[in-house]
Amino acid sequence: MSVNNKCFFLNVLSIIRHFE
């Protein structure tokens, strides 16, 4: 997994947690 993909994944998780 590239660093970019990892950062993107973490961003998505943060957004999901924000909407929960």
Protein backbone atom coordinates (compact mmCIF):
# COMPACT_ATOMS: atom_id res chain seq x y z
CA MET A 1 0.00 0.00 0.00
CA SER A 2 1.47 3.34 -1.01
CA VAL A 3 1.63 6.27 1.38
CA ASN A 4 -0.88 8.21 -0.71
CA ASN A 5 -3.40 5.40 -0.49
CA LYS A 6 -2.85 5.14 3.25
CA CYS A 7 -3.45 8.88 3.75
CA PHE A 8 -6.55 8.71 1.57
CA PHE A 9 -7.88 5.76 3.56
CA LEU A 10 -7.31 7.58 6.84
CA ASN A 11 -9.10 10.63 5.47
CA VAL A 12 -12.10 8.53 4.47
CA LEU A 13 -12.20 6.94 7.92
CA SER A 14 -12.13 10.37 9.56
CA ILE A 15 -15.01 11.56 7.38
CA ILE A 16 -17.05 8.44 8.14
CA ARG A 17 -16.46 8.81 11.87
CA HIS A 18 -17.43 12.46 11.65
CA PHE A 19 -20.81 11.58 10.15
CA GLU A 20 -21.56 8.79 12.64
